[in-house]
C-alpha atoms as a PDB file:
ATOM      1  CA  UNK A   1     -19.137   9.897 -27.407  1.00  0.00           C
ATOM      2  CA  UNK A   2     -22.836  11.995 -27.088  1.00  0.00           C
ATOM      3  CA  UNK A   3     -21.563  15.514 -25.429  1.00  0.00           C
ATOM      4  CA  UNK A   4     -25.007  15.508 -23.939  1.00  0.00           C
ATOM      5  CA  UNK A   5     -24.318  12.619 -21.946  1.00  0.00           C
ATOM      6  CA  UNK A   6     -23.214  12.949 -18.382  1.00  0.00           C
ATOM      7  CA  UNK A   7     -20.425  10.636 -16.196  1.00  0.00           C
ATOM      8  CA  UNK A   8     -21.562   8.640 -13.812  1.00  0.00           C
ATOM      9  CA  UNK A   9     -18.760   6.950 -11.824  1.00  0.00           C
ATOM     10  CA  UNK A  10     -14.714   7.289 -12.544  1.00  0.00           C
ATOM     11  CA  UNK A  11     -13.251   6.287 -15.717  1.00  0.00           C
ATOM     12  CA  UNK A  12     -12.354   3.639 -16.916  1.00  0.00           C
ATOM     13  CA  UNK A  13     -15.609   2.454 -14.819  1.00  0.00           C
ATOM     14  CA  UNK A  14     -17.834   5.193 -16.306  1.00  0.00           C
ATOM     15  CA  UNK A  15     -21.476   4.737 -17.974  1.00  0.00           C
ATOM     16  CA  UNK A  16     -22.579   7.934 -19.819  1.00  0.00           C
ATOM     17  CA  UNK A  17     -25.906   9.089 -19.339  1.00  0.00           C
ATOM     18  CA  UNK A  18     -29.354  11.601 -20.044  1.00  0.00           C
ATOM     19  CA  UNK A  19     -32.827  11.106 -19.137  1.00  0.00           C
ATOM     20  CA  UNK A  20     -33.487   8.182 -21.768  1.00  0.00           C
ATOM     21  CA  UNK A  21     -29.592   6.744 -23.118  1.00  0.00           C
ATOM     22  CA  UNK A  22     -27.225   4.809 -20.434  1.00  0.00           C
ATOM     23  CA  UNK A  23     -23.754   4.176 -22.168  1.00  0.00           C
ATOM     24  CA  UNK A  24     -22.342   1.437 -20.889  1.00  0.00           C
ATOM     25  CA  UNK A  25     -19.400   1.015 -23.256  1.00  0.00           C
ATOM     26  CA  UNK A  26     -16.807   1.957 -21.282  1.00  0.00           C
ATOM     27  CA  UNK A  27     -14.061   3.470 -23.445  1.00  0.00           C
ATOM     28  CA  UNK A  28     -11.031   2.447 -22.156  1.00  0.00           C
ATOM     29  CA  UNK A  29      -8.306   4.826 -21.147  1.00  0.00           C
ATOM     30  CA  UNK A  30      -4.777   5.166 -23.265  1.00  0.00           C
ATOM     31  CA  UNK A  31      -2.458   2.329 -22.639  1.00  0.00           C
ATOM     32  CA  UNK A  32       1.056   3.364 -21.056  1.00  0.00           C
ATOM     33  CA  UNK A  33       2.770   0.367 -21.805  1.00  0.00           C
ATOM     34  CA  UNK A  34       6.747   0.022 -20.108  1.00  0.00           C
ATOM     35  CA  UNK A  35       9.249  -2.824 -20.093  1.00  0.00           C
ATOM     36  CA  UNK A  36      10.065  -3.778 -16.145  1.00  0.00           C
ATOM     37  CA  UNK A  37      13.204  -6.134 -15.671  1.00  0.00           C
ATOM     38  CA  UNK A  38      12.237  -8.386 -12.670  1.00  0.00           C
ATOM     39  CA  UNK A  39      14.316 -10.837 -10.495  1.00  0.00           C
ATOM     40  CA  UNK A  40      12.822 -13.600 -13.018  1.00  0.00           C
ATOM     41  CA  UNK A  41      11.575 -12.182 -15.507  1.00  0.00           C
ATOM     42  CA  UNK A  42      11.223  -8.936 -18.192  1.00  0.00           C
ATOM     43  CA  UNK A  43       7.316  -7.962 -17.968  1.00  0.00           C
ATOM     44  CA  UNK A  44       5.743  -5.890 -20.336  1.00  0.00           C
ATOM     45  CA  UNK A  45       2.732  -3.777 -18.047  1.00  0.00           C
ATOM     46  CA  UNK A  46       0.526  -0.986 -18.670  1.00  0.00           C
ATOM     47  CA  UNK A  47       1.257   2.088 -16.193  1.00  0.00           C
ATOM     48  CA  UNK A  48      -2.625   3.355 -16.641  1.00  0.00           C
ATOM     49  CA  UNK A  49      -3.199  -0.328 -15.354  1.00  0.00           C
ATOM     50  CA  UNK A  50      -1.195   0.150 -12.153  1.00  0.00           C
ATOM     51  CA  UNK A  51      -0.905   1.356  -8.536  1.00  0.00           C
ATOM     52  CA  UNK A  52       1.603   1.498  -6.256  1.00  0.00           C
ATOM     53  CA  UNK A  53       0.700   0.343  -2.621  1.00  0.00           C
ATOM     54  CA  UNK A  54       2.715   1.987   0.078  1.00  0.00           C
ATOM     55  CA  UNK A  55       1.946  -0.049   3.279  1.00  0.00           C
ATOM     56  CA  UNK A  56       2.443   1.112   7.281  1.00  0.00           C
ATOM     57  CA  UNK A  57       5.150   3.950   6.586  1.00  0.00           C
ATOM     58  CA  UNK A  58       3.896   5.195   9.694  1.00  0.00           C
ATOM     59  CA  UNK A  59       5.132   6.476  13.340  1.00  0.00           C
ATOM     60  CA  UNK A  60       4.124   3.552  15.284  1.00  0.00           C
ATOM     61  CA  UNK A  61       6.260   1.214  12.701  1.00  0.00           C
ATOM     62  CA  UNK A  62       8.918   3.965  11.136  1.00  0.00           C
ATOM     63  CA  UNK A  63       9.688   6.780  14.328  1.00  0.00           C
ATOM     64  CA  UNK A  64      11.822   6.395  17.258  1.00  0.00           C
ATOM     65  CA  UNK A  65       8.980   7.827  18.944  1.00  0.00           C
ATOM     66  CA  UNK A  66       6.338   5.113  18.044  1.00  0.00           C
ATOM     67  CA  UNK A  67       4.962   2.481  19.290  1.00  0.00           C
ATOM     68  CA  UNK A  68       7.643  -0.544  17.780  1.00  0.00           C
ATOM     69  CA  UNK A  69      10.806   1.592  19.251  1.00  0.00           C
ATOM     70  CA  UNK A  70       8.353   2.162  22.289  1.00  0.00           C
ATOM     71  CA  UNK A  71       8.249  -1.886  22.969  1.00  0.00           C
ATOM     72  CA  UNK A  72      12.535  -2.793  22.097  1.00  0.00           C
ATOM     73  CA  UNK A  73      12.462  -2.693  18.318  1.00  0.00           C
ATOM     74  CA  UNK A  74      15.141  -1.086  16.307  1.00  0.00           C
ATOM     75  CA  UNK A  75      13.269   0.711  13.612  1.00  0.00           C
ATOM     76  CA  UNK A  76      16.416   1.777  11.764  1.00  0.00           C
ATOM     77  CA  UNK A  77      15.193  -0.802   8.922  1.00  0.00           C
ATOM     78  CA  UNK A  78      11.762   0.251   8.678  1.00  0.00           C
ATOM     79  CA  UNK A  79      12.737   4.038   7.823  1.00  0.00           C
ATOM     80  CA  UNK A  80      15.393   2.626   5.037  1.00  0.00           C
ATOM     81  CA  UNK A  81      12.237   2.167   2.342  1.00  0.00           C
ATOM     82  CA  UNK A  82      12.139   6.551   2.493  1.00  0.00           C
ATOM     83  CA  UNK A  83      14.499   7.805   0.515  1.00  0.00           C
ATOM     84  CA  UNK A  84      13.671   4.993  -2.525  1.00  0.00           C
ATOM     85  CA  UNK A  85      10.053   6.449  -2.148  1.00  0.00           C
ATOM     86  CA  UNK A  86      10.553   9.791  -2.280  1.00  0.00           C
ATOM     87  CA  UNK A  87      12.411   9.387  -5.070  1.00  0.00           C
ATOM     88  CA  UNK A  88       9.885   7.277  -6.990  1.00  0.00           C
ATOM     89  CA  UNK A  89       6.618   9.527  -6.138  1.00  0.00           C
ATOM     90  CA  UNK A  90       7.019  12.734  -8.106  1.00  0.00           C
ATOM     91  CA  UNK A  91       7.871  10.459 -11.117  1.00  0.00           C
ATOM     92  CA  UNK A  92       5.049   8.179 -10.510  1.00  0.00           C
ATOM     93  CA  UNK A  93       2.477  10.952 -10.436  1.00  0.00           C
ATOM     94  CA  UNK A  94       4.021  12.555 -13.260  1.00  0.00           C
ATOM     95  CA  UNK A  95       3.023   9.543 -15.121  1.00  0.00           C
ATOM     96  CA  UNK A  96      -0.279   9.479 -13.537  1.00  0.00           C
ATOM     97  CA  UNK A  97      -0.346   6.186 -11.721  1.00  0.00           C
ATOM     98  CA  UNK A  98      -2.264   5.847  -8.510  1.00  0.00           C
ATOM     99  CA  UNK A  99      -0.600   5.971  -5.332  1.00  0.00           C
ATOM    100  CA  UNK A 100      -2.496   4.285  -3.028  1.00  0.00           C
ATOM    101  CA  UNK A 101      -1.678   4.716   0.981  1.00  0.00           C
ATOM    102  CA  UNK A 102      -2.832   1.675   3.404  1.00  0.00           C
ATOM    103  CA  UNK A 103      -2.309   2.634   6.973  1.00  0.00           C
ATOM    104  CA  UNK A 104      -3.393   1.109  10.219  1.00  0.00           C
ATOM    105  CA  UNK A 105      -5.934   3.301  11.592  1.00  0.00           C
ATOM    106  CA  UNK A 106      -8.012   2.301  14.205  1.00  0.00           C
ATOM    107  CA  UNK A 107     -11.360   3.163  15.676  1.00  0.00           C
ATOM    108  CA  UNK A 108     -11.068   4.709  18.776  1.00  0.00           C
ATOM    109  CA  UNK A 109     -13.290   2.244  20.205  1.00  0.00           C
ATOM    110  CA  UNK A 110     -11.548  -0.509  19.046  1.00  0.00           C
ATOM    111  CA  UNK A 111     -14.801  -2.736  18.628  1.00  0.00           C
ATOM    112  CA  UNK A 112     -13.933  -4.422  15.246  1.00  0.00           C
ATOM    113  CA  UNK A 113     -10.183  -5.721  16.566  1.00  0.00           C
ATOM    114  CA  UNK A 114     -10.407  -9.158  18.120  1.00  0.00           C
ATOM    115  CA  UNK A 115      -8.605 -10.148  21.380  1.00  0.00           C
ATOM    116  CA  UNK A 116      -5.787 -11.814  18.566  1.00  0.00           C
ATOM    117  CA  UNK A 117      -5.119  -9.027  16.868  1.00  0.00           C
ATOM    118  CA  UNK A 118      -4.653  -6.798  20.402  1.00  0.00           C
ATOM    119  CA  UNK A 119      -2.550  -9.798  21.734  1.00  0.00           C
ATOM    120  CA  UNK A 120       0.269  -9.440  18.973  1.00  0.00           C
ATOM    121  CA  UNK A 121       1.818  -7.011  20.835  1.00  0.00           C
ATOM    122  CA  UNK A 122       0.296  -6.727  24.063  1.00  0.00           C
ATOM    123  CA  UNK A 123       0.589 -10.231  25.326  1.00  0.00           C
ATOM    124  CA  UNK A 124       0.687 -10.141  29.183  1.00  0.00           C
ATOM    125  CA  UNK A 125      -2.171  -7.524  28.649  1.00  0.00           C
ATOM    126  CA  UNK A 126      -0.482  -4.861  31.100  1.00  0.00           C
ATOM    127  CA  UNK A 127       1.904  -3.577  28.048  1.00  0.00           C
ATOM    128  CA  UNK A 128       1.377  -0.261  25.214  1.00  0.00           C
ATOM    129  CA  UNK A 129      -0.990  -1.942  22.920  1.00  0.00           C
ATOM    130  CA  UNK A 130      -3.658  -1.072  20.446  1.00  0.00           C
ATOM    131  CA  UNK A 131      -5.252   2.132  21.543  1.00  0.00           C
ATOM    132  CA  UNK A 132      -3.298   2.902  24.995  1.00  0.00           C
ATOM    133  CA  UNK A 133      -1.189   6.042  24.959  1.00  0.00           C
ATOM    134  CA  UNK A 134       2.392   6.371  23.960  1.00  0.00           C
ATOM    135  CA  UNK A 135       4.535   7.092  27.266  1.00  0.00           C
ATOM    136  CA  UNK A 136       6.387   9.954  24.873  1.00  0.00           C
ATOM    137  CA  UNK A 137       3.386  11.753  23.840  1.00  0.00           C
ATOM    138  CA  UNK A 138       0.101  10.144  24.537  1.00  0.00           C
ATOM    139  CA  UNK A 139      -0.502   9.660  21.009  1.00  0.00           C
ATOM    140  CA  UNK A 140      -3.142   6.704  20.984  1.00  0.00           C
ATOM    141  CA  UNK A 141      -1.328   3.406  19.160  1.00  0.00           C
ATOM    142  CA  UNK A 142      -2.183   3.198  15.570  1.00  0.00           C
ATOM    143  CA  UNK A 143      -5.654   5.157  16.560  1.00  0.00           C
ATOM    144  CA  UNK A 144      -6.849   7.235  13.280  1.00  0.00           C
ATOM    145  CA  UNK A 145      -6.135  10.320  13.044  1.00  0.00           C
ATOM    146  CA  UNK A 146      -3.619  10.391  15.782  1.00  0.00           C
ATOM    147  CA  UNK A 147       0.222  10.868  15.023  1.00  0.00           C
ATOM    148  CA  UNK A 148       1.039   7.887  16.277  1.00  0.00           C
ATOM    149  CA  UNK A 149      -0.584   6.268  13.306  1.00  0.00           C
ATOM    150  CA  UNK A 150      -0.346   9.492  10.688  1.00  0.00           C
ATOM    151  CA  UNK A 151       2.205   8.658   7.392  1.00  0.00           C
ATOM    152  CA  UNK A 152       6.259   9.641   8.558  1.00  0.00           C
ATOM    153  CA  UNK A 153       7.078  13.541   8.147  1.00  0.00           C
ATOM    154  CA  UNK A 154       9.370  12.538   5.208  1.00  0.00           C
ATOM    155  CA  UNK A 155       6.667  10.887   2.618  1.00  0.00           C
ATOM    156  CA  UNK A 156       3.964  13.293   1.599  1.00  0.00           C
ATOM    157  CA  UNK A 157       0.820  12.494   0.256  1.00  0.00           C
ATOM    158  CA  UNK A 158      -1.352  14.552  -1.589  1.00  0.00           C
ATOM    159  CA  UNK A 159      -4.579  15.386  -2.450  1.00  0.00           C
ATOM    160  CA  UNK A 160      -4.753  12.939  -5.453  1.00  0.00           C
ATOM    161  CA  UNK A 161      -3.424   9.878  -3.553  1.00  0.00           C
ATOM    162  CA  UNK A 162      -5.938   7.305  -2.167  1.00  0.00           C
ATOM    163  CA  UNK A 163      -6.090   6.878   1.421  1.00  0.00           C
ATOM    164  CA  UNK A 164      -6.998   3.522   2.927  1.00  0.00           C
ATOM    165  CA  UNK A 165      -7.797   2.244   6.745  1.00  0.00           C
ATOM    166  CA  UNK A 166      -6.960  -1.201   7.210  1.00  0.00           C
ATOM    167  CA  UNK A 167      -7.256  -3.195  10.731  1.00  0.00           C
ATOM    168  CA  UNK A 168      -5.059  -6.296  10.160  1.00  0.00           C
ATOM    169  CA  UNK A 169      -1.896  -6.784   8.389  1.00  0.00           C
ATOM    170  CA  UNK A 170      -3.647  -7.384   4.990  1.00  0.00           C
ATOM    171  CA  UNK A 171      -4.982  -4.263   3.419  1.00  0.00           C
ATOM    172  CA  UNK A 172      -7.984  -5.982   1.975  1.00  0.00           C
ATOM    173  CA  UNK A 173     -10.101  -7.282   4.995  1.00  0.00           C
ATOM    174  CA  UNK A 174     -12.724  -5.384   6.172  1.00  0.00           C
ATOM    175  CA  UNK A 175     -11.622  -2.571   3.640  1.00  0.00           C
ATOM    176  CA  UNK A 176     -12.625  -0.948   0.320  1.00  0.00           C
ATOM    177  CA  UNK A 177      -9.420  -1.501  -0.905  1.00  0.00           C
ATOM    178  CA  UNK A 178     -10.420  -4.251  -4.200  1.00  0.00           C
ATOM    179  CA  UNK A 179     -13.523  -2.483  -4.663  1.00  0.00           C
ATOM    180  CA  UNK A 180     -11.737   0.984  -5.362  1.00  0.00           C
ATOM    181  CA  UNK A 181      -8.746  -0.692  -7.378  1.00  0.00           C
ATOM    182  CA  UNK A 182     -11.685  -2.961  -9.441  1.00  0.00           C
ATOM    183  CA  UNK A 183     -13.635   0.485 -10.081  1.00  0.00           C
ATOM    184  CA  UNK A 184      -9.813   1.918 -10.895  1.00  0.00           C
ATOM    185  CA  UNK A 185      -9.451  -0.073 -13.961  1.00  0.00           C
ATOM    186  CA  UNK A 186      -5.895  -1.467 -11.624  1.00  0.00           C
ATOM    187  CA  UNK A 187      -5.239  -5.094 -12.292  1.00  0.00           C
ATOM    188  CA  UNK A 188      -0.874  -4.597 -11.541  1.00  0.00           C
ATOM    189  CA  UNK A 189      -0.219  -3.657  -8.022  1.00  0.00           C
ATOM    190  CA  UNK A 190       3.290  -2.321  -7.102  1.00  0.00           C
ATOM    191  CA  UNK A 191       4.073  -3.301  -3.296  1.00  0.00           C
ATOM    192  CA  UNK A 192       6.326  -1.261  -0.616  1.00  0.00           C
ATOM    193  CA  UNK A 193       6.315  -0.422   3.276  1.00  0.00           C
ATOM    194  CA  UNK A 194       7.083  -2.253   6.193  1.00  0.00           C
ATOM    195  CA  UNK A 195       6.994  -4.756   7.606  1.00  0.00           C
ATOM    196  CA  UNK A 196       8.019  -6.864   4.904  1.00  0.00           C
ATOM    197  CA  UNK A 197       7.085 -10.268   6.140  1.00  0.00           C
ATOM    198  CA  UNK A 198       4.110  -9.021   7.590  1.00  0.00           C
ATOM    199  CA  UNK A 199       1.591  -6.139   6.546  1.00  0.00           C
ATOM    200  CA  UNK A 200       3.226  -6.107   2.836  1.00  0.00           C
ATOM    201  CA  UNK A 201       3.565  -9.690   2.734  1.00  0.00           C
ATOM    202  CA  UNK A 202      -0.101 -10.410   3.462  1.00  0.00           C
ATOM    203  CA  UNK A 203      -1.750  -7.409   1.517  1.00  0.00           C
ATOM    204  CA  UNK A 204       0.296  -8.737  -1.519  1.00  0.00           C
ATOM    205  CA  UNK A 205      -0.643 -12.286  -0.652  1.00  0.00           C
ATOM    206  CA  UNK A 206      -4.476 -11.590  -0.904  1.00  0.00           C
ATOM    207  CA  UNK A 207      -3.951  -9.354  -3.910  1.00  0.00           C
ATOM    208  CA  UNK A 208      -2.468 -12.385  -5.733  1.00  0.00           C
ATOM    209  CA  UNK A 209      -5.345 -14.809  -4.057  1.00  0.00           C
ATOM    210  CA  UNK A 210      -7.805 -12.080  -5.702  1.00  0.00           C
ATOM    211  CA  UNK A 211      -6.047 -12.406  -9.201  1.00  0.00           C
ATOM    212  CA  UNK A 212      -3.827  -9.158  -8.999  1.00  0.00           C
ATOM    213  CA  UNK A 213      -0.721  -9.107 -10.669  1.00  0.00           C
ATOM    214  CA  UNK A 214       2.015  -8.333  -7.798  1.00  0.00           C
ATOM    215  CA  UNK A 215       5.448  -6.853  -7.872  1.00  0.00           C
ATOM    216  CA  UNK A 216       7.341  -5.874  -4.680  1.00  0.00           C
ATOM    217  CA  UNK A 217      10.042  -2.892  -4.743  1.00  0.00           C
ATOM    218  CA  UNK A 218      12.847  -4.574  -2.653  1.00  0.00           C
ATOM    219  CA  UNK A 219      14.173  -1.410  -2.085  1.00  0.00           C
ATOM    220  CA  UNK A 220      10.930   0.355  -1.486  1.00  0.00           C
ATOM    221  CA  UNK A 221      10.395  -2.225   1.486  1.00  0.00           C
ATOM    222  CA  UNK A 222      12.354  -3.255   4.389  1.00  0.00           C
ATOM    223  CA  UNK A 223      11.334  -5.406   8.068  1.00  0.00           C
ATOM    224  CA  UNK A 224      12.219  -4.999  11.600  1.00  0.00           C
ATOM    225  CA  UNK A 225      12.248  -8.990  11.745  1.00  0.00           C
ATOM    226  CA  UNK A 226      15.414 -11.016  11.188  1.00  0.00           C
ATOM    227  CA  UNK A 227      17.491 -11.220   8.018  1.00  0.00           C
ATOM    228  CA  UNK A 228      15.710 -14.564   6.909  1.00  0.00           C
ATOM    229  CA  UNK A 229      12.030 -13.482   7.053  1.00  0.00           C
ATOM    230  CA  UNK A 230      13.399 -11.011   4.312  1.00  0.00           C
ATOM    231  CA  UNK A 231      14.840 -13.609   2.237  1.00  0.00           C
ATOM    232  CA  UNK A 232      11.632 -16.257   3.153  1.00  0.00           C
ATOM    233  CA  UNK A 233       9.337 -13.507   2.198  1.00  0.00           C
ATOM    234  CA  UNK A 234      11.130 -12.625  -1.479  1.00  0.00           C
ATOM    235  CA  UNK A 235      11.475 -15.696  -2.288  1.00  0.00           C
ATOM    236  CA  UNK A 236       8.084 -16.398  -1.459  1.00  0.00           C
ATOM    237  CA  UNK A 237       7.201 -14.036  -3.590  1.00  0.00           C
ATOM    238  CA  UNK A 238       9.219 -14.865  -6.356  1.00  0.00           C
ATOM    239  CA  UNK A 239       8.253 -18.479  -5.808  1.00  0.00           C
ATOM    240  CA  UNK A 240       4.285 -18.121  -5.395  1.00  0.00           C
ATOM    241  CA  UNK A 241       2.809 -14.845  -5.727  1.00  0.00           C
ATOM    242  CA  UNK A 242       4.410 -12.817  -8.297  1.00  0.00           C
ATOM    243  CA  UNK A 243       7.822 -10.707  -8.705  1.00  0.00           C
ATOM    244  CA  UNK A 244      10.446  -9.274  -7.021  1.00  0.00           C
ATOM    245  CA  UNK A 245      11.835  -5.881  -8.659  1.00  0.00           C
ATOM    246  CA  UNK A 246      13.439  -2.211  -7.666  1.00  0.00           C
ATOM    247  CA  UNK A 247      12.911   0.896  -7.862  1.00  0.00           C
ATOM    248  CA  UNK A 248      15.455   1.924 -10.198  1.00  0.00           C
ATOM    249  CA  UNK A 249      14.095  -0.910 -12.614  1.00  0.00           C
ATOM    250  CA  UNK A 250      10.675   0.725 -12.383  1.00  0.00           C
ATOM    251  CA  UNK A 251      12.151   4.633 -13.105  1.00  0.00           C
ATOM    252  CA  UNK A 252      14.250   3.064 -15.827  1.00  0.00           C
ATOM    253  CA  UNK A 253      10.969   1.080 -17.755  1.00  0.00           C
ATOM    254  CA  UNK A 254       9.430   4.757 -17.599  1.00  0.00           C
ATOM    255  CA  UNK A 255      12.383   6.634 -18.938  1.00  0.00           C
ATOM    256  CA  UNK A 256      12.942   4.542 -21.559  1.00  0.00           C
ATOM    257  CA  UNK A 257       9.096   3.876 -22.360  1.00  0.00           C
END
């Protein structure tokens, strides 16, 4: 690489330019291959081209004072991914794998939220719905930068992590997620978070439709829905949309590599 050229973009999607030259060759990043055991196959993949997507590990979904708890949902299952994600994050950061937090974070005016979306958890129109204050602390439900939409205290993003606000169950609709992943050269996506059968599954399905490799980490995801919903999700991921593995399998793959 000519040292006089200046980078434009983030590798691997970067040009190197000066006043007369634009180098468009995009030198590849050194691969970090690992072997991963899944429920159906042994995979070979490249950590350099991989990212962990953590969906909706937020107070409104996982905290006893959050929105779901307020409307009578037992959020205990939604808290079960916290410890395995805690254990996984330092190792993934150490090997340089991208961490992407995909969190529901609405505009205060809700101008981009349809009535159908608002109806899901406020079907009568008289309850506590999107943007309404929680009775316990007055935090507006799933509003960007509110306590309600914040990631639970037990999980700490760092500055190097990527943060995406979403406004639907899928993290790809009306967000820059796809552009960020493609510009970063990511082709293999690991999935964690809640709810497995709703926002995690919708995001994973869209990722599959867009051509990404999809791996659901079973112990790092959960749902407050009935058990049969989780079993159907695991079945459909294995059958149609990708692979199902476990954080221990991922850590073992990194350790062996």
